[in-house]
C-alpha atoms as a PDB file:
ATOM      1  CA  MET A   1      20.853   9.438 -16.782  1.00  0.00           C
ATOM      2  CA  THR A   2      23.210   7.486 -19.062  1.00  0.00           C
ATOM      3  CA  GLY A   3      26.951   6.868 -18.759  1.00  0.00           C
ATOM      4  CA  ARG A   4      29.502   4.071 -18.802  1.00  0.00           C
ATOM      5  CA  LEU A   5      28.755   1.674 -15.942  1.00  0.00           C
ATOM      6  CA  VAL A   6      31.245  -1.136 -15.132  1.00  0.00           C
ATOM      7  CA  LEU A   7      30.047  -3.631 -12.570  1.00  0.00           C
ATOM      8  CA  GLY A   8      32.559  -5.160 -10.211  1.00  0.00           C
ATOM      9  CA  GLU A   9      32.511  -7.429  -7.190  1.00  0.00           C
ATOM     10  CA  PRO A  10      29.603  -7.813  -4.799  1.00  0.00           C
ATOM     11  CA  ALA A  11      29.821  -5.321  -1.887  1.00  0.00           C
ATOM     12  CA  THR A  12      30.438  -6.888   1.503  1.00  0.00           C
ATOM     13  CA  GLY A  13      29.502  -5.709   5.024  1.00  0.00           C
ATOM     14  CA  GLY A  14      25.764  -5.637   4.853  1.00  0.00           C
ATOM     15  CA  GLU A  15      23.282  -8.479   5.201  1.00  0.00           C
ATOM     16  CA  SER A  16      20.607  -7.590   2.739  1.00  0.00           C
ATOM     17  CA  GLY A  17      22.710  -8.092  -0.377  1.00  0.00           C
ATOM     18  CA  GLY A  18      21.963  -6.483  -3.690  1.00  0.00           C
ATOM     19  CA  ALA A  19      24.908  -4.126  -3.913  1.00  0.00           C
ATOM     20  CA  TRP A  20      28.069  -4.217  -6.041  1.00  0.00           C
ATOM     21  CA  HIS A  21      31.230  -2.198  -6.418  1.00  0.00           C
ATOM     22  CA  GLY A  22      31.787  -0.618  -9.779  1.00  0.00           C
ATOM     23  CA  THR A  23      32.713   2.527 -11.746  1.00  0.00           C
ATOM     24  CA  PHE A  24      30.530   5.073 -13.460  1.00  0.00           C
ATOM     25  CA  ASP A  25      32.238   7.170 -16.045  1.00  0.00           C
ATOM     26  CA  GLY A  26      35.505   6.078 -14.398  1.00  0.00           C
ATOM     27  CA  HIS A  27      34.488   7.103 -10.822  1.00  0.00           C
ATOM     28  CA  PRO A  28      34.108   4.449  -8.100  1.00  0.00           C
ATOM     29  CA  VAL A  29      30.462   3.854  -7.117  1.00  0.00           C
ATOM     30  CA  VAL A  30      28.244   1.408  -5.260  1.00  0.00           C
ATOM     31  CA  VAL A  31      25.673  -0.100  -7.586  1.00  0.00           C
ATOM     32  CA  LYS A  32      22.171  -1.149  -6.508  1.00  0.00           C
ATOM     33  CA  ARG A  33      19.049  -2.390  -8.333  1.00  0.00           C
ATOM     34  CA  GLY A  34      15.434  -1.759  -7.600  1.00  0.00           C
ATOM     35  CA  GLU A  35      12.066  -2.048  -9.127  1.00  0.00           C
ATOM     36  CA  ALA A  36      11.344   0.502 -11.832  1.00  0.00           C
ATOM     37  CA  GLU A  37       8.242   1.684  -9.993  1.00  0.00           C
ATOM     38  CA  ALA A  38      10.554   2.831  -7.163  1.00  0.00           C
ATOM     39  CA  ARG A  39      11.957   5.700  -9.366  1.00  0.00           C
ATOM     40  CA  PRO A  40       9.837   8.532  -7.905  1.00  0.00           C
ATOM     41  CA  ARG A  41      10.933   7.601  -4.403  1.00  0.00           C
ATOM     42  CA  LEU A  42      14.601   7.219  -5.367  1.00  0.00           C
ATOM     43  CA  GLU A  43      14.479  10.638  -7.146  1.00  0.00           C
ATOM     44  CA  SER A  44      13.194  12.150  -3.925  1.00  0.00           C
ATOM     45  CA  ILE A  45      15.927  10.433  -1.934  1.00  0.00           C
ATOM     46  CA  SER A  46      18.471  11.748  -4.377  1.00  0.00           C
ATOM     47  CA  SER A  47      17.251  15.282  -3.813  1.00  0.00           C
ATOM     48  CA  LEU A  48      17.124  14.712  -0.070  1.00  0.00           C
ATOM     49  CA  MET A  49      20.781  13.508   0.001  1.00  0.00           C
ATOM     50  CA  ASP A  50      21.913  16.692  -1.727  1.00  0.00           C
ATOM     51  CA  ARG A  51      19.934  18.900   0.853  1.00  0.00           C
ATOM     52  CA  LEU A  52      21.379  16.840   3.815  1.00  0.00           C
ATOM     53  CA  ARG A  53      24.913  17.183   2.499  1.00  0.00           C
ATOM     54  CA  ASP A  54      24.344  20.932   2.341  1.00  0.00           C
ATOM     55  CA  ARG A  55      23.530  20.683   6.050  1.00  0.00           C
ATOM     56  CA  GLY A  56      26.747  18.847   6.764  1.00  0.00           C
ATOM     57  CA  VAL A  57      25.503  15.226   6.839  1.00  0.00           C
ATOM     58  CA  PRO A  58      28.072  12.940   5.109  1.00  0.00           C
ATOM     59  CA  THR A  59      25.745  11.188   2.630  1.00  0.00           C
ATOM     60  CA  PRO A  60      26.435   9.713  -0.785  1.00  0.00           C
ATOM     61  CA  SER A  61      24.919  11.176  -3.881  1.00  0.00           C
ATOM     62  CA  TYR A  62      22.355   9.011  -5.798  1.00  0.00           C
ATOM     63  CA  THR A  63      22.352   8.787  -9.609  1.00  0.00           C
ATOM     64  CA  LEU A  64      19.464   6.972 -11.225  1.00  0.00           C
ATOM     65  CA  LEU A  65      20.254   5.233 -14.513  1.00  0.00           C
ATOM     66  CA  ASP A  66      17.799   4.209 -17.250  1.00  0.00           C
ATOM     67  CA  ASP A  67      15.192   1.638 -16.489  1.00  0.00           C
ATOM     68  CA  ASP A  68      15.822  -1.820 -17.891  1.00  0.00           C
ATOM     69  CA  GLY A  69      12.406  -3.337 -18.205  1.00  0.00           C
ATOM     70  CA  ASP A  70      10.962  -3.737 -14.687  1.00  0.00           C
ATOM     71  CA  GLU A  71      14.314  -2.997 -13.055  1.00  0.00           C
ATOM     72  CA  LEU A  72      16.019   0.216 -12.170  1.00  0.00           C
ATOM     73  CA  VAL A  73      19.785   0.586 -11.645  1.00  0.00           C
ATOM     74  CA  TYR A  74      21.162   3.384  -9.520  1.00  0.00           C
ATOM     75  CA  VAL A  75      24.666   4.253  -8.267  1.00  0.00           C
ATOM     76  CA  GLN A  76      25.929   5.973  -5.132  1.00  0.00           C
ATOM     77  CA  THR A  77      29.183   7.726  -4.738  1.00  0.00           C
ATOM     78  CA  VAL A  78      31.826   6.085  -2.542  1.00  0.00           C
ATOM     79  CA  LEU A  79      32.478   8.034   0.651  1.00  0.00           C
ATOM     80  CA  PRO A  80      35.863   8.133   2.380  1.00  0.00           C
ATOM     81  CA  GLY A  81      36.647   5.820   5.204  1.00  0.00           C
ATOM     82  CA  ALA A  82      35.914   2.205   6.173  1.00  0.00           C
ATOM     83  CA  LEU A  83      33.486   0.349   8.423  1.00  0.00           C
ATOM     84  CA  PRO A  84      34.273   1.012  12.138  1.00  0.00           C
ATOM     85  CA  ARG A  85      36.307  -1.559  13.965  1.00  0.00           C
ATOM     86  CA  ARG A  86      34.340  -3.213  16.858  1.00  0.00           C
ATOM     87  CA  PRO A  87      36.147  -1.399  19.720  1.00  0.00           C
ATOM     88  CA  MET A  88      35.208   1.946  18.041  1.00  0.00           C
ATOM     89  CA  THR A  89      36.010   5.299  19.694  1.00  0.00           C
ATOM     90  CA  ALA A  90      34.091   7.657  21.919  1.00  0.00           C
ATOM     91  CA  GLN A  91      34.627  10.375  19.346  1.00  0.00           C
ATOM     92  CA  TYR A  92      32.830   8.366  16.697  1.00  0.00           C
ATOM     93  CA  VAL A  93      29.777   7.965  18.930  1.00  0.00           C
ATOM     94  CA  GLU A  94      29.795  11.638  19.707  1.00  0.00           C
ATOM     95  CA  ASP A  95      29.991  12.360  15.925  1.00  0.00           C
ATOM     96  CA  VAL A  96      26.920  10.293  15.253  1.00  0.00           C
ATOM     97  CA  VAL A  97      24.947  12.073  17.975  1.00  0.00           C
ATOM     98  CA  THR A  98      26.043  15.484  16.621  1.00  0.00           C
ATOM     99  CA  MET A  99      25.135  14.416  13.033  1.00  0.00           C
ATOM    100  CA  SER A 100      21.687  13.444  14.240  1.00  0.00           C
ATOM    101  CA  GLU A 101      20.947  17.040  15.137  1.00  0.00           C
ATOM    102  CA  LEU A 102      21.298  17.854  11.478  1.00  0.00           C
ATOM    103  CA  LEU A 103      18.356  15.522  10.683  1.00  0.00           C
ATOM    104  CA  ALA A 104      15.835  17.637  12.648  1.00  0.00           C
ATOM    105  CA  ASP A 105      13.187  19.647  10.914  1.00  0.00           C
ATOM    106  CA  VAL A 106      13.743  18.381   7.412  1.00  0.00           C
ATOM    107  CA  THR A 107      10.952  18.944   4.863  1.00  0.00           C
ATOM    108  CA  ASP A 108       9.883  16.860   1.861  1.00  0.00           C
ATOM    109  CA  VAL A 109      11.270  13.514   3.188  1.00  0.00           C
ATOM    110  CA  PRO A 110       9.807  10.727   1.027  1.00  0.00           C
ATOM    111  CA  ARG A 111       7.521   8.136   2.607  1.00  0.00           C
ATOM    112  CA  ILE A 112       7.854   4.413   2.106  1.00  0.00           C
ATOM    113  CA  ARG A 113       4.824   3.465   0.116  1.00  0.00           C
ATOM    114  CA  SER A 114       2.247   5.564   2.082  1.00  0.00           C
ATOM    115  CA  TYR A 115       4.094   5.140   5.421  1.00  0.00           C
ATOM    116  CA  ASP A 116       5.826   7.768   7.560  1.00  0.00           C
ATOM    117  CA  TRP A 117       7.706   6.504  10.503  1.00  0.00           C
ATOM    118  CA  PRO A 118       4.812   6.472  13.081  1.00  0.00           C
ATOM    119  CA  THR A 119       2.556   4.485  10.647  1.00  0.00           C
ATOM    120  CA  LEU A 120       5.348   2.004   9.811  1.00  0.00           C
ATOM    121  CA  LEU A 121       6.217   1.625  13.520  1.00  0.00           C
ATOM    122  CA  GLN A 122       2.636   0.705  14.475  1.00  0.00           C
ATOM    123  CA  HIS A 123       2.319  -1.670  11.517  1.00  0.00           C
ATOM    124  CA  SER A 124       5.523  -3.447  12.379  1.00  0.00           C
ATOM    125  CA  LEU A 125       4.449  -3.917  15.989  1.00  0.00           C
ATOM    126  CA  ALA A 126       0.856  -4.898  15.327  1.00  0.00           C
ATOM    127  CA  ILE A 127       1.274  -6.971  12.154  1.00  0.00           C
ATOM    128  CA  GLY A 128       4.918  -7.208  10.967  1.00  0.00           C
ATOM    129  CA  GLU A 129       6.643  -6.448   7.730  1.00  0.00           C
ATOM    130  CA  ASP A 130       7.613  -8.320   4.571  1.00  0.00           C
ATOM    131  CA  GLY A 131      10.997  -9.909   5.316  1.00  0.00           C
ATOM    132  CA  TRP A 132      11.669  -8.130   8.643  1.00  0.00           C
ATOM    133  CA  CYS A 133       9.908  -7.596  11.971  1.00  0.00           C
ATOM    134  CA  ARG A 134       7.980 -10.855  11.182  1.00  0.00           C
ATOM    135  CA  HIS A 135       5.876 -12.176  14.041  1.00  0.00           C
ATOM    136  CA  GLU A 136       5.464 -15.782  13.255  1.00  0.00           C
ATOM    137  CA  PRO A 137       9.118 -16.788  13.350  1.00  0.00           C
ATOM    138  CA  MET A 138       9.307 -15.152  16.777  1.00  0.00           C
ATOM    139  CA  ARG A 139       6.128 -16.842  18.022  1.00  0.00           C
ATOM    140  CA  ALA A 140       7.492 -20.238  16.918  1.00  0.00           C
ATOM    141  CA  TYR A 141      11.071 -20.039  18.044  1.00  0.00           C
ATOM    142  CA  SER A 142      10.933 -20.118  21.872  1.00  0.00           C
ATOM    143  CA  ASP A 143       8.943 -18.951  24.864  1.00  0.00           C
ATOM    144  CA  ARG A 144      11.367 -16.098  25.229  1.00  0.00           C
ATOM    145  CA  THR A 145      11.010 -14.788  21.626  1.00  0.00           C
ATOM    146  CA  ARG A 146       7.228 -15.299  21.926  1.00  0.00           C
ATOM    147  CA  ALA A 147       7.247 -12.970  24.866  1.00  0.00           C
ATOM    148  CA  ILE A 148       9.097 -10.358  22.780  1.00  0.00           C
ATOM    149  CA  VAL A 149       6.538 -10.478  19.936  1.00  0.00           C
ATOM    150  CA  GLU A 150       3.591 -10.391  22.459  1.00  0.00           C
ATOM    151  CA  HIS A 151       5.208  -7.343  24.081  1.00  0.00           C
ATOM    152  CA  ALA A 152       5.540  -5.668  20.647  1.00  0.00           C
ATOM    153  CA  GLU A 153       1.903  -6.466  19.754  1.00  0.00           C
ATOM    154  CA  ALA A 154       0.732  -4.886  23.034  1.00  0.00           C
ATOM    155  CA  HIS A 155       2.680  -1.738  22.144  1.00  0.00           C
ATOM    156  CA  GLY A 156       1.191  -1.716  18.644  1.00  0.00           C
ATOM    157  CA  ALA A 157      -2.318  -1.956  20.120  1.00  0.00           C
ATOM    158  CA  ALA A 158      -1.752   0.889  22.545  1.00  0.00           C
ATOM    159  CA  MET A 159       0.236   3.196  20.343  1.00  0.00           C
ATOM    160  CA  GLU A 160      -1.209   6.536  19.344  1.00  0.00           C
ATOM    161  CA  VAL A 161       0.261   7.314  15.883  1.00  0.00           C
ATOM    162  CA  ALA A 162      -0.343  11.051  16.161  1.00  0.00           C
ATOM    163  CA  SER A 163       1.937  11.204  19.267  1.00  0.00           C
ATOM    164  CA  VAL A 164       5.067  10.425  17.324  1.00  0.00           C
ATOM    165  CA  PRO A 165       6.695  13.353  15.399  1.00  0.00           C
ATOM    166  CA  THR A 166       7.100  13.350  11.600  1.00  0.00           C
ATOM    167  CA  THR A 167       9.240  16.476  11.328  1.00  0.00           C
ATOM    168  CA  ASP A 168      12.679  14.895  10.983  1.00  0.00           C
ATOM    169  CA  ALA A 169      14.551  12.690   8.500  1.00  0.00           C
ATOM    170  CA  VAL A 170      14.846   9.136  10.024  1.00  0.00           C
ATOM    171  CA  HIS A 171      17.566   6.938   8.491  1.00  0.00           C
ATOM    172  CA  LEU A 172      15.672   3.873   9.952  1.00  0.00           C
ATOM    173  CA  ASP A 173      18.778   1.552   9.972  1.00  0.00           C
ATOM    174  CA  LEU A 174      21.457   3.638  11.695  1.00  0.00           C
ATOM    175  CA  HIS A 175      23.919   1.113  13.042  1.00  0.00           C
ATOM    176  CA  PRO A 176      27.760   0.888  12.865  1.00  0.00           C
ATOM    177  CA  ALA A 177      27.730  -1.223   9.658  1.00  0.00           C
ATOM    178  CA  ASN A 178      25.922   1.631   7.844  1.00  0.00           C
ATOM    179  CA  THR A 179      28.537   4.179   8.829  1.00  0.00           C
ATOM    180  CA  LEU A 180      32.124   4.910   7.733  1.00  0.00           C
ATOM    181  CA  VAL A 181      35.033   6.077   9.911  1.00  0.00           C
ATOM    182  CA  HIS A 182      38.270   7.760   9.069  1.00  0.00           C
ATOM    183  CA  GLY A 183      40.876   8.586  11.685  1.00  0.00           C
ATOM    184  CA  GLY A 184      38.430   7.583  14.440  1.00  0.00           C
ATOM    185  CA  ARG A 185      35.878  10.183  13.256  1.00  0.00           C
ATOM    186  CA  LEU A 186      32.575   9.629  11.411  1.00  0.00           C
ATOM    187  CA  SER A 187      33.229  10.199   7.716  1.00  0.00           C
ATOM    188  CA  GLY A 188      30.033   8.787   6.023  1.00  0.00           C
ATOM    189  CA  ILE A 189      26.565   7.358   6.501  1.00  0.00           C
ATOM    190  CA  ILE A 190      25.321   4.951   3.842  1.00  0.00           C
ATOM    191  CA  ASP A 191      22.235   2.925   2.905  1.00  0.00           C
ATOM    192  CA  TRP A 192      19.636   5.639   3.013  1.00  0.00           C
ATOM    193  CA  ASP A 193      17.152   3.544   1.028  1.00  0.00           C
ATOM    194  CA  GLY A 194      14.775   3.315   4.064  1.00  0.00           C
ATOM    195  CA  VAL A 195      14.729   6.986   4.919  1.00  0.00           C
ATOM    196  CA  LEU A 196      11.337   8.395   5.810  1.00  0.00           C
ATOM    197  CA  PRO A 197       9.743  11.255   7.757  1.00  0.00           C
ATOM    198  CA  GLY A 198       9.620  10.814  11.541  1.00  0.00           C
ATOM    199  CA  ASP A 199      11.475  11.271  14.843  1.00  0.00           C
ATOM    200  CA  ARG A 200      15.264  11.522  14.600  1.00  0.00           C
ATOM    201  CA  TRP A 201      15.561  10.222  18.207  1.00  0.00           C
ATOM    202  CA  PHE A 202      14.509   6.792  17.041  1.00  0.00           C
ATOM    203  CA  ASP A 203      17.779   6.573  15.052  1.00  0.00           C
ATOM    204  CA  LEU A 204      19.750   7.317  18.206  1.00  0.00           C
ATOM    205  CA  VAL A 205      17.940   4.708  20.276  1.00  0.00           C
ATOM    206  CA  TYR A 206      18.626   2.165  17.501  1.00  0.00           C
ATOM    207  CA  PHE A 207      22.230   3.246  17.179  1.00  0.00           C
ATOM    208  CA  ALA A 208      23.032   3.044  20.851  1.00  0.00           C
ATOM    209  CA  HIS A 209      21.503  -0.441  21.125  1.00  0.00           C
ATOM    210  CA  HIS A 210      23.551  -1.655  18.183  1.00  0.00           C
ATOM    211  CA  VAL A 211      26.792  -0.161  19.522  1.00  0.00           C
ATOM    212  CA  GLU A 212      26.217  -2.185  22.636  1.00  0.00           C
ATOM    213  CA  LEU A 213      25.512  -5.328  20.512  1.00  0.00           C
ATOM    214  CA  TRP A 214      28.805  -4.776  18.697  1.00  0.00           C
ATOM    215  CA  ARG A 215      30.902  -4.047  21.764  1.00  0.00           C
ATOM    216  CA  GLY A 216      29.185  -6.237  24.351  1.00  0.00           C
ATOM    217  CA  ASP A 217      29.073  -3.389  26.866  1.00  0.00           C
ATOM    218  CA  ASP A 218      27.731   0.177  27.336  1.00  0.00           C
ATOM    219  CA  THR A 219      31.097   1.904  27.861  1.00  0.00           C
ATOM    220  CA  LEU A 220      30.599   4.228  24.906  1.00  0.00           C
ATOM    221  CA  THR A 221      26.793   4.724  25.321  1.00  0.00           C
ATOM    222  CA  SER A 222      26.229   5.171  29.074  1.00  0.00           C
ATOM    223  CA  TRP A 223      26.066   8.913  28.716  1.00  0.00           C
ATOM    224  CA  LEU A 224      23.786   8.726  25.653  1.00  0.00           C
ATOM    225  CA  TRP A 225      20.807   6.903  27.313  1.00  0.00           C
ATOM    226  CA  PRO A 226      20.104   9.749  29.819  1.00  0.00           C
ATOM    227  CA  MET A 227      20.101  12.231  26.868  1.00  0.00           C
ATOM    228  CA  ILE A 228      17.604   9.992  25.007  1.00  0.00           C
ATOM    229  CA  GLU A 229      15.435   9.683  28.186  1.00  0.00           C
ATOM    230  CA  ALA A 230      15.296  13.494  28.586  1.00  0.00           C
ATOM    231  CA  ALA A 231      14.153  13.963  24.964  1.00  0.00           C
ATOM    232  CA  VAL A 232      11.737  11.011  24.344  1.00  0.00           C
ATOM    233  CA  PRO A 233       8.628  10.541  26.479  1.00  0.00           C
ATOM    234  CA  PRO A 234       8.569   7.202  28.349  1.00  0.00           C
ATOM    235  CA  GLN A 235       5.700   5.660  26.418  1.00  0.00           C
ATOM    236  CA  ARG A 236       7.221   6.404  23.046  1.00  0.00           C
ATOM    237  CA  LEU A 237      10.669   5.204  24.255  1.00  0.00           C
ATOM    238  CA  GLY A 238       9.044   1.942  25.358  1.00  0.00           C
ATOM    239  CA  THR A 239       7.445   1.578  21.914  1.00  0.00           C
ATOM    240  CA  TYR A 240      10.797   2.204  20.134  1.00  0.00           C
ATOM    241  CA  ALA A 241      12.406  -0.439  22.445  1.00  0.00           C
ATOM    242  CA  ALA A 242       9.669  -2.890  21.616  1.00  0.00           C
ATOM    243  CA  HIS A 243      10.186  -2.419  17.824  1.00  0.00           C
ATOM    244  CA  ILE A 244      13.993  -2.749  18.174  1.00  0.00           C
ATOM    245  CA  ALA A 245      13.666  -5.916  20.189  1.00  0.00           C
ATOM    246  CA  LEU A 246      11.330  -7.418  17.721  1.00  0.00           C
ATOM    247  CA  ARG A 247      13.298  -6.424  14.741  1.00  0.00           C
ATOM    248  CA  THR A 248      16.807  -7.338  15.901  1.00  0.00           C
ATOM    249  CA  VAL A 249      15.860 -10.730  17.409  1.00  0.00           C
ATOM    250  CA  GLU A 250      13.618 -11.715  14.315  1.00  0.00           C
ATOM    251  CA  TRP A 251      16.488 -10.938  12.012  1.00  0.00           C
ATOM    252  CA  GLN A 252      18.744 -13.383  13.907  1.00  0.00           C
ATOM    253  CA  VAL A 253      16.055 -16.014  14.332  1.00  0.00           C
ATOM    254  CA  SER A 254      15.412 -16.043  10.530  1.00  0.00           C
ATOM    255  CA  ARG A 255      19.015 -15.831   9.316  1.00  0.00           C
ATOM    256  CA  HIS A 256      21.604 -16.796  11.931  1.00  0.00           C
ATOM    257  CA  THR A 257      22.752 -19.287  14.494  1.00  0.00           C
ATOM    258  CA  ALA A 258      21.293 -20.198  17.948  1.00  0.00           C
ATOM    259  CA  ALA A 259      24.378 -18.398  19.539  1.00  0.00           C
ATOM    260  CA  ASP A 260      23.597 -15.258  17.602  1.00  0.00           C
ATOM    261  CA  VAL A 261      19.976 -15.378  18.636  1.00  0.00           C
ATOM    262  CA  GLU A 262      20.966 -15.836  22.329  1.00  0.00           C
ATOM    263  CA  ARG A 263      23.239 -12.855  22.311  1.00  0.00           C
ATOM    264  CA  THR A 264      20.863 -10.608  20.584  1.00  0.00           C
ATOM    265  CA  LEU A 265      17.848 -11.852  22.551  1.00  0.00           C
ATOM    266  CA  THR A 266      19.566 -11.264  25.954  1.00  0.00           C
ATOM    267  CA  LEU A 267      20.288  -7.593  25.049  1.00  0.00           C
ATOM    268  CA  ALA A 268      16.751  -7.127  23.679  1.00  0.00           C
ATOM    269  CA  GLU A 269      15.275  -8.405  26.890  1.00  0.00           C
ATOM    270  CA  HIS A 270      17.416  -6.004  28.791  1.00  0.00           C
ATOM    271  CA  LEU A 271      16.176  -3.118  26.568  1.00  0.00           C
ATOM    272  CA  VAL A 272      12.483  -3.897  26.987  1.00  0.00           C
ATOM    273  CA  ALA A 273      12.885  -4.359  30.718  1.00  0.00           C
ATOM    274  CA  ARG A 274      14.627  -0.998  30.927  1.00  0.00           C
ATOM    275  CA  TYR A 275      11.928   0.755  28.921  1.00  0.00           C
ATOM    276  CA  PRO A 276       8.716  -1.296  29.383  1.00  0.00           C
END
């Protein structure tokens, strides 16, 4: 699609970079770039966002612009609201849980390369990924981080891929910085570039853990864990916990300070001890 795109300042709030504010035909948008070969997947995501909005999920629309050589530019509509403040509200957490129900039984969710969620989960645990869930930085950092990666590898070796559902839409990175709030209520969920078919309950495990990281306590999530435990078999929940521990700690080890690593590592150790 063609139109008048005006690029503005880099978007703030995320850690992966690669997003800018701008306007497209006079309307505010978030602008991203990707490889031209990603067009089929992004076209599928665009269609999925439309279907999820029809269900009531507050998603942005995706508009793909013309390829520029090996690069693809695409824009997303700006949703109402702002990033949640760290105290957050109980209603916001409840809204995210309610929204998650709308991600159940979704068809034609695009894969990442050839991966659905169970396949990606096992690969991340057993081998690691390119730029995230990397094993070697964890193995080298300390005895405690080495224990996390060895725990993850054990889960990867024992995991039965066929035991994990692939019937839902999984956001894959559902944490507070990828949500928007207006008046204390959830008003938007952004950054769907990692969406893939899988088990929607993983998103809630990931979200609950990150709410506790943001707040430093479980005041808003203590009721959510029993709900998760009732829905997710213990072995699968332990595997999700191993992935989250590996993923969150490695991100800090590779990009942040020793204090950030310590805070994240302590909560990760608590998570894997709770769901071994």
